[in-house]
Amino acid sequence: MARELREVVYVDGVRTAFGRAGPKGVFWRTRADDLGVKVVRELLRRTPYLPPERIDDVIMAATAQVGDQGLTLGRDVALLAGLPATVPGFAVDRMCAGALTAVTAGAGEIAMGSADVVLAGGIEHMGHHPMGDDVDFNPRFVAERLVDPSAVTMGATAENLHDRFPRLSRDDADAFAMRSQHRAAAAWQNGVMRETVVPMTVFTDDGWRAADRDEFLRPDTSMEGLAELPTPFRPGGRVTAGNSAGLTDGAAVCLLASEEGARELRLKPRMRLVSYAFAGVEPDLMGLGPVPATRKALELAGLSFDEIGLFELNEPFAVQVLTWCDGLGVDPEDDRLNPYGGAIACGHPLAATGVRLLAQLAYGFRERQDVRYGLTALCVGMGMGAALIWENLPAAD
């Protein structure tokens, strides 16, 4: 029997501060799943009209699905956060697009009528679970030349992008990185991040302290300072710690609902999901992934690129954003692109980042109510890209 799909709306989203991965990071002595518990509880606190038993699913992503972010992470976090035992949950993995995949999975449940309200997000504790740790790569990848060896080292794939697009220089990458830091500093100064970042009290080697600020913020970043940094992935290369996102710990979650469910529960939706797309590219050029994903999402939405008024693009490496700009004709200095800074400034806890992008887009929509459509996009390890298009719902504020 044919039936109509239901509209999916974004209500709210929050994240922890993003901490430096490793023993010197603020979350070193904090469990990954407890990061998820904190953001879920905060989201529920901010939506007092939502009875917890009305949540139909909890979907949490993690790239390293082991240890304190293993098992069925969505179900674990739901129980630990005090949700009723009747609320189910599950885990997903699409590396850097983990949280966005959790969102699209939840959107599918809502669109099909299987759910009215879903929590979707991601957790990554890269200090406890470094990239590639406990992974047994199939030797066929290299032996049969299915994947270039550089594809398993993200910094090497960024250097590959510089090779493929030699007009994108290190100076270009450093300039973008500096803008990201300066825009993020302004966002913290102006209170943007205070609305989306949840302070969390954590135990550290120095005792209890508040984790309330991203640890990779460098507001004094200058071109001169960036030029002095070494290139760890290749002698004489162009990728540095300054024009890349740091290894990070953090969690993020958002609340999705059907339009009908939002009205019934007195929730205030801020964005409507218009379309989404995932795409594949050569794994050793994984940074190109958002280009075909963006084009596919636009085609599915029946929109032109000129109709998109805000872009929240992940910044694992500056050159990756520059290739997207190059492919789609966007000036890297355009104030529609990452107006509050990005991962170069705040960090990139793999599976959590997607919801950070959504939260910043929703804030940008509120500040620019003349903008109707916005885009969240990112590249994904092993050669993929993700893009989601959203419609502003200014009347809901």
Foldseek 3Di string as FASTA:
>chain_A
DDDFFFWKFFFAKAKAFKWFAAQVTPCLVPFQLVLVLQRVLVQCVVQVLDDLQQAAEEEEEEAPQDDSNHDFSRQVSCVVNPRDNNHYYGYDDQWLCQQVVQVVVVSVCQRVPVHFKYKTFYWFRCNVPPQPPPDDDDPCCPVVVVADPLLSPVLQLLLVLCVVVVVCALLNLLVLLLQLLQLQVVCVVVCVNVVHHDWDWDQHPVGIDIRGHFPQRDNPDDSVVVVPFARVVDHVTRFGLSQFFGAIGMMMMTMMGGPVSCVVSVGQGFKIWQFKFKFFDRSSNQLQAAQVRVVVRCVSNVHDPVLAQAEEEARRGSSSVVNNCVSRVHDSVDCRYPSNHHRSRRGRSRRRRQSVSVNSVSVVCQVCVVRFKHKYKYTTRRGMIMMIMITGDNVRD
